[in-house]
Amino acid sequence: MFFRNLTFFRFPTATDFSEVDTLLPHALLKPVGALEMNSRGFISPFGREEKEQLSHRIADHLWLTVGGEDKILPAAVVNDLLERKLEEIEEKEGRRPGGRERKRMKDDLLHELLPRAFVKSSRNDAFIDLQHGYVVVDTSSRKTGEYFMSDIRGLLGSFPAMPLNAEVAPRSILTGWIAGEPLPTGLSLGEECEMKDPVEGGAVVKCQHQELRCDEIDKHLDAGKQVTKLALVFEDNLSFVIGDDLIVRKLKFLDGALDQLEHADEDGRRAEFDARFALQSAEIRRLFLLLEEAFKLSKAD
C-alpha cells in the first residue's frame, strides 16, 4: 500500500524507540466491548492477523499502525426508537416525558442497541524517521494525526511531537512560486491550485487542469489573492497538492519512483511489502528535506 496523504510532526531525534517492540504487546487493539462505542490500539503493519511482528523497521524508518473498531449506531435510528417510546407513554399515560426522563430513556436505548450494532474496522499508518526526527501519518486530517501522536505518547510514556512550524508563512511561499519565483530544485508546478482573498469571508478560486503560469492566474494574484493549495511535481517521482497547513494531499507515486519496484526481487508478499516500504520512506524523506529547506521548518530539538 502507498500513502495518499502526509501529515507531518516533528520530535527530538534523541527520543528513545528502542523499547517499542517490548511495549507494543501491552498496547494492542482490543475488540470493542458490548457496551463500548469504540476501541483503539496498535496492530501489526502486516495486518490484524499478524500477531508476532507488531512493528516494522528498515534502516532508520519505523512503521507503526493503529487500528480501530467503531460501533455503527446512527443517531436517526436511536431518535426514531425514542420517539416511538415517547408516543407510547403519551398515549397510555396522557403525558409527554420531560428532558431528564427523555435522556434516561435514550441512554437505556443505547445500552440496549450497542451489543447488536455493527462494527466498522479502520487503520492508520505512520512512518517514523528516526534519523531526521519526524513522523508522517497517512491522513489529511490534523486531528487524526494528533490522535496518532497521542497513541505513541501513551506507548512510550512521553512523546513531545509537534506539528510543523514554518519560519516563513507558507501562503507567501506558495504564492511566490505560482507568481514566477524560482522553485526548489526538482519541483515543478502541477495543474491545480486554490486561491483566497486574505480578508475573512473573501472570494475563493479553485483551478484544476489549468496551466498555472498564465494571465488568468496573474489577474487573481494582482487582485491580492493568496495561494492556499498548490499542485506540485517532484522530479518524475511524486505528484501532490500541498496546502498552507503544510499537509500533503493527493500524493501519487509516478513512474520515476515505481520503476524502482520493477528491479526489486519478487520473493513473496513480505518482500514486496519491504520493497514498497523502502521506496515510500526514501521518497517521503527526500520530499520532507526539500520542504524543510523551502519553508524553513523549525527543529524539534
Protein backbone atom coordinates (compact mmCIF):
# COMPACT_ATOMS: atom_id res chain seq x y z
CA MET A 1 0.00 0.00 0.00
CA PHE A 2 1.09 3.55 -0.70
CA PHE A 3 0.36 6.57 1.46
CA ARG A 4 -2.06 9.02 -0.16
CA ASN A 5 -1.75 11.90 2.32
CA LEU A 6 1.08 13.12 4.52
CA THR A 7 0.60 14.91 7.83
CA PHE A 8 3.99 15.58 9.43
CA PHE A 9 5.01 16.01 13.06
CA ARG A 10 8.48 16.74 14.43
CA PHE A 11 10.07 15.23 17.51
CA PRO A 12 13.52 15.39 19.14
CA THR A 13 15.90 12.93 17.49
CA ALA A 14 17.11 11.91 20.95
CA THR A 15 13.74 10.18 21.59
CA ASP A 16 14.32 6.55 22.53
CA PHE A 17 12.39 4.00 20.45
CA SER A 18 14.50 1.00 21.48
CA GLU A 19 11.76 -0.49 23.67
CA VAL A 20 8.94 -0.22 21.13
CA ASP A 21 8.73 -3.95 20.41
CA THR A 22 8.66 -4.70 24.14
CA LEU A 23 5.90 -2.15 24.79
CA LEU A 24 3.63 -2.86 21.83
CA PRO A 25 2.11 -6.13 23.19
CA HIS A 26 0.71 -4.09 26.09
CA ALA A 27 -0.94 -1.52 23.80
CA LEU A 28 -2.65 -3.75 21.26
CA LEU A 29 -6.10 -3.12 19.86
CA LYS A 30 -8.75 -4.93 21.90
CA PRO A 31 -12.12 -5.92 20.45
CA VAL A 32 -14.71 -3.28 21.17
CA GLY A 33 -16.78 -4.27 24.20
CA ALA A 34 -20.51 -4.96 24.13
CA LEU A 35 -21.31 -1.63 25.79
CA GLU A 36 -18.47 0.38 24.24
CA MET A 37 -18.74 2.69 21.24
CA ASN A 38 -15.15 2.26 20.09
CA SER A 39 -11.77 0.74 20.77
CA ARG A 40 -8.30 1.80 19.64
CA GLY A 41 -4.85 0.26 19.82
CA PHE A 42 -1.81 -0.85 17.84
CA ILE A 43 -1.90 -3.62 15.26
CA SER A 44 0.78 -5.07 13.01
CA PRO A 45 1.57 -3.15 9.80
CA PHE A 46 1.15 -6.54 8.11
CA GLY A 47 -2.50 -6.74 9.18
CA ARG A 48 -4.56 -7.83 12.16
CA GLU A 49 -3.92 -11.50 11.50
CA GLU A 50 -0.20 -11.00 12.25
CA LYS A 51 0.36 -11.45 15.99
CA GLU A 52 4.15 -11.67 16.25
CA GLN A 53 5.69 -8.76 14.32
CA LEU A 54 3.89 -5.69 15.66
CA SER A 55 6.15 -3.07 14.06
CA HIS A 56 8.37 -2.98 11.01
CA ARG A 57 11.71 -1.31 10.58
CA ILE A 58 14.07 -0.76 7.67
CA ALA A 59 17.25 1.16 8.49
CA ASP A 60 16.18 4.39 10.25
CA HIS A 61 12.50 4.11 9.36
CA LEU A 62 9.97 2.57 11.74
CA TRP A 63 6.43 1.68 10.63
CA LEU A 64 3.65 1.68 13.23
CA THR A 65 -0.05 1.04 12.67
CA VAL A 66 -3.03 1.90 14.87
CA GLY A 67 -6.29 0.00 14.43
CA GLY A 68 -9.76 0.98 15.48
CA GLU A 69 -13.18 -0.57 15.95
CA ASP A 70 -16.21 1.71 15.97
CA LYS A 71 -19.84 0.79 16.57
CA ILE A 72 -22.19 1.99 13.84
CA LEU A 73 -25.28 3.29 15.57
CA PRO A 74 -26.92 6.08 13.52
CA ALA A 75 -28.45 8.86 15.60
CA ALA A 76 -31.54 8.78 13.36
CA VAL A 77 -32.23 5.17 14.39
CA VAL A 78 -31.91 5.95 18.09
CA ASN A 79 -34.06 9.07 17.81
CA ASP A 80 -36.74 7.21 15.87
CA LEU A 81 -37.00 4.47 18.50
CA LEU A 82 -37.02 7.08 21.26
CA GLU A 83 -39.88 8.94 19.59
CA ARG A 84 -41.91 5.74 19.39
CA LYS A 85 -41.45 5.11 23.11
CA LEU A 86 -42.41 8.71 23.89
CA GLU A 87 -45.57 8.36 21.82
CA GLU A 88 -46.46 5.12 23.66
CA ILE A 89 -46.11 6.82 27.04
CA GLU A 90 -48.13 9.81 25.84
CA GLU A 91 -50.90 7.52 24.59
CA LYS A 92 -51.02 5.36 27.73
CA GLU A 93 -50.40 7.97 30.43
CA GLY A 94 -51.50 11.17 28.74
CA ARG A 95 -48.21 12.96 29.36
CA ARG A 96 -45.04 13.78 27.50
CA PRO A 97 -41.84 12.84 29.42
CA GLY A 98 -39.60 15.77 30.36
CA GLY A 99 -36.00 16.35 29.36
CA ARG A 100 -34.39 14.42 32.21
CA GLU A 101 -36.60 11.37 31.64
CA ARG A 102 -36.04 11.50 27.88
CA LYS A 103 -32.29 11.49 28.45
CA ARG A 104 -32.56 8.43 30.69
CA MET A 105 -34.73 6.67 28.11
CA LYS A 106 -32.21 7.47 25.39
CA ASP A 107 -29.34 6.08 27.49
CA ASP A 108 -31.34 2.90 28.07
CA LEU A 109 -31.89 2.56 24.32
CA LEU A 110 -28.17 2.95 23.65
CA HIS A 111 -27.33 0.20 26.14
CA GLU A 112 -29.95 -1.99 24.51
CA LEU A 113 -28.74 -1.39 20.95
CA LEU A 114 -24.96 -1.29 21.41
CA PRO A 115 -24.40 -5.09 21.73
CA ARG A 116 -26.20 -5.58 18.40
CA ALA A 117 -24.59 -2.72 16.49
CA PHE A 118 -22.34 -3.36 13.51
CA VAL A 119 -18.61 -2.79 13.99
CA LYS A 120 -16.51 -0.86 11.49
CA SER A 121 -12.79 -1.55 11.42
CA SER A 122 -10.17 1.03 10.48
CA ARG A 123 -6.41 1.51 10.44
CA ASN A 124 -3.97 4.41 10.37
CA ASP A 125 -0.34 4.03 9.31
CA ALA A 126 2.68 6.15 10.09
CA PHE A 127 6.38 6.17 9.27
CA ILE A 128 8.82 7.43 11.88
CA ASP A 129 12.11 8.76 10.56
CA LEU A 130 14.44 8.18 13.49
CA GLN A 131 17.36 10.00 11.87
CA HIS A 132 15.60 13.23 10.92
CA GLY A 133 13.05 13.36 13.74
CA TYR A 134 9.70 13.41 12.05
CA VAL A 135 6.56 11.25 11.93
CA VAL A 136 4.38 11.17 8.84
CA VAL A 137 0.81 9.89 9.20
CA ASP A 138 -1.21 8.74 6.19
CA THR A 139 -4.05 11.22 6.72
CA SER A 140 -5.16 14.64 5.55
CA SER A 141 -6.73 15.34 8.95
CA ARG A 142 -4.61 17.14 11.54
CA LYS A 143 -6.95 15.77 14.23
CA THR A 144 -6.37 12.17 13.13
CA GLY A 145 -2.64 12.82 13.14
CA GLU A 146 -2.85 14.23 16.67
CA TYR A 147 -4.67 11.09 17.79
CA PHE A 148 -1.78 9.02 16.43
CA MET A 149 0.73 11.17 18.34
CA SER A 150 -1.34 10.53 21.49
CA ASP A 151 -1.15 6.79 20.82
CA ILE A 152 2.64 6.93 20.51
CA ARG A 153 2.76 9.11 23.64
CA GLY A 154 0.76 6.50 25.52
CA LEU A 155 3.04 3.74 24.22
CA LEU A 156 6.33 5.43 25.17
CA GLY A 157 5.14 7.28 28.27
CA SER A 158 6.05 10.64 26.71
CA PHE A 159 6.49 11.87 23.15
CA PRO A 160 6.96 15.62 22.54
CA ALA A 161 5.79 15.62 18.92
CA MET A 162 4.61 18.90 17.42
CA PRO A 163 3.05 19.93 14.08
CA LEU A 164 5.36 21.51 11.54
CA ASN A 165 6.24 25.13 12.24
CA ALA A 166 7.44 27.25 9.30
CA GLU A 167 9.56 30.33 9.90
CA VAL A 168 8.12 31.84 6.69
CA ALA A 169 4.35 32.00 6.09
CA PRO A 170 3.54 29.05 3.77
CA ARG A 171 1.00 31.13 1.84
CA SER A 172 3.66 33.63 0.85
CA ILE A 173 5.95 30.84 -0.38
CA LEU A 174 3.20 29.14 -2.41
CA THR A 175 2.01 32.45 -3.82
CA GLY A 176 5.56 33.34 -4.83
CA TRP A 177 6.00 30.06 -6.68
CA ILE A 178 2.84 30.49 -8.70
CA ALA A 179 3.79 34.10 -9.41
CA GLY A 180 7.01 33.02 -11.09
CA GLU A 181 9.59 32.90 -8.31
CA PRO A 182 12.11 30.04 -8.69
CA LEU A 183 11.01 26.72 -7.23
CA PRO A 184 13.39 24.47 -5.30
CA THR A 185 15.45 22.17 -7.49
CA GLY A 186 13.37 19.17 -8.53
CA LEU A 187 9.97 20.82 -8.03
CA SER A 188 7.69 21.96 -10.83
CA LEU A 189 4.14 23.31 -10.90
CA GLY A 190 1.22 20.95 -11.40
CA GLU A 191 -2.21 21.88 -12.75
CA GLU A 192 -4.23 22.62 -9.63
CA CYS A 193 -4.41 25.42 -7.10
CA GLU A 194 -6.69 27.22 -4.67
CA MET A 195 -6.50 30.97 -4.07
CA LYS A 196 -8.24 33.07 -1.43
CA ASP A 197 -8.70 36.71 -0.61
CA PRO A 198 -6.85 37.34 2.67
CA VAL A 199 -9.91 39.05 4.22
CA GLU A 200 -12.34 36.94 6.22
CA GLY A 201 -15.17 35.70 4.02
CA GLY A 202 -13.26 36.69 0.88
CA ALA A 203 -13.56 35.06 -2.52
CA VAL A 204 -12.13 31.59 -3.17
CA VAL A 205 -10.92 30.49 -6.60
CA LYS A 206 -10.21 26.82 -7.38
CA CYS A 207 -8.41 25.78 -10.56
CA GLN A 208 -7.98 22.24 -11.90
CA HIS A 209 -6.38 21.01 -15.12
CA GLN A 210 -5.12 24.57 -15.52
CA GLU A 211 -1.80 25.96 -16.68
CA LEU A 212 -0.80 27.91 -13.58
CA ARG A 213 1.58 30.40 -15.21
CA CYS A 214 -0.94 32.38 -17.26
CA ASP A 215 -2.67 35.77 -17.45
CA GLU A 216 -5.82 34.47 -15.74
CA ILE A 217 -3.88 33.41 -12.65
CA ASP A 218 -1.85 36.63 -12.67
CA LYS A 219 -5.05 38.69 -12.55
CA HIS A 220 -6.14 36.91 -9.38
CA LEU A 221 -2.72 37.50 -7.85
CA ASP A 222 -2.82 41.16 -8.84
CA ALA A 223 -6.20 41.40 -7.07
CA GLY A 224 -4.49 40.29 -3.85
CA LYS A 225 -5.46 36.64 -3.70
CA GLN A 226 -3.06 34.27 -1.95
CA VAL A 227 -2.38 30.62 -2.76
CA THR A 228 -3.64 28.20 -0.09
CA LYS A 229 -3.22 24.94 -2.03
CA LEU A 230 -0.83 24.16 -4.85
CA ALA A 231 -0.20 21.10 -7.00
CA LEU A 232 3.46 20.23 -7.45
CA VAL A 233 5.54 17.52 -9.09
CA PHE A 234 8.78 16.31 -7.54
CA GLU A 235 11.11 15.19 -10.31
CA ASP A 236 9.37 12.29 -12.09
CA ASN A 237 8.69 10.51 -8.82
CA LEU A 238 5.85 12.22 -6.92
CA SER A 239 2.88 14.46 -7.59
CA PHE A 240 0.90 16.04 -4.77
CA VAL A 241 -1.06 19.04 -3.54
CA ILE A 242 0.38 20.93 -0.58
CA GLY A 243 -1.66 23.35 1.50
CA ASP A 244 -0.74 26.34 3.61
CA ASP A 245 -1.25 23.99 6.56
CA LEU A 246 1.76 22.05 5.18
CA ILE A 247 -0.33 18.89 4.79
CA VAL A 248 0.40 16.95 1.60
CA ARG A 249 -2.73 15.62 -0.13
CA LYS A 250 -3.43 13.60 -3.28
CA LEU A 251 0.04 12.02 -3.14
CA LYS A 252 0.82 9.82 -6.15
CA PHE A 253 3.94 7.81 -6.87
CA LEU A 254 4.87 8.30 -10.51
CA ASP A 255 6.77 6.16 -12.98
CA GLY A 256 10.13 7.51 -11.89
CA ALA A 257 9.56 6.00 -8.46
CA LEU A 258 7.53 2.93 -9.45
CA ASP A 259 10.20 1.82 -11.93
CA GLN A 260 12.39 1.09 -8.91
CA LEU A 261 9.93 -1.60 -7.81
CA GLU A 262 10.39 -3.48 -11.07
CA HIS A 263 14.02 -4.12 -10.11
CA ALA A 264 13.15 -5.40 -6.62
CA ASP A 265 13.42 -9.12 -6.00
CA GLU A 266 9.99 -10.74 -6.13
CA ASP A 267 10.03 -13.27 -3.32
CA GLY A 268 6.61 -13.32 -1.75
CA ARG A 269 4.31 -10.86 -0.06
CA ARG A 270 6.75 -9.78 2.64
CA ALA A 271 9.44 -8.99 0.09
CA GLU A 272 7.01 -6.84 -1.88
CA PHE A 273 5.93 -5.16 1.36
CA ASP A 274 9.56 -4.37 2.18
CA ALA A 275 10.20 -3.01 -1.32
CA ARG A 276 7.22 -0.65 -1.10
CA PHE A 277 8.15 0.42 2.43
CA ALA A 278 11.73 1.17 1.39
CA LEU A 279 10.57 3.09 -1.68
CA GLN A 280 7.96 5.15 0.16
CA SER A 281 10.10 6.01 3.15
CA ALA A 282 13.02 7.07 0.95
CA GLU A 283 10.89 9.25 -1.34
CA ILE A 284 8.99 10.83 1.56
CA ARG A 285 12.30 11.61 3.28
CA ARG A 286 13.58 13.35 0.15
CA LEU A 287 10.35 15.33 -0.06
CA PHE A 288 10.43 16.25 3.63
CA LEU A 289 14.01 17.51 3.43
CA LEU A 290 13.08 19.61 0.40
CA LEU A 291 10.06 21.09 2.22
CA GLU A 292 12.16 21.65 5.35
CA GLU A 293 14.53 23.85 3.37
CA ALA A 294 11.87 25.60 1.30
CA PHE A 295 9.64 26.55 4.24
CA LYS A 296 12.42 26.95 6.85
CA LEU A 297 10.85 24.37 9.15
CA SER A 298 11.82 24.64 12.82
CA LYS A 299 13.63 21.77 14.50
CA ALA A 300 12.10 19.99 17.50
CA ASP A 301 15.37 19.55 19.38
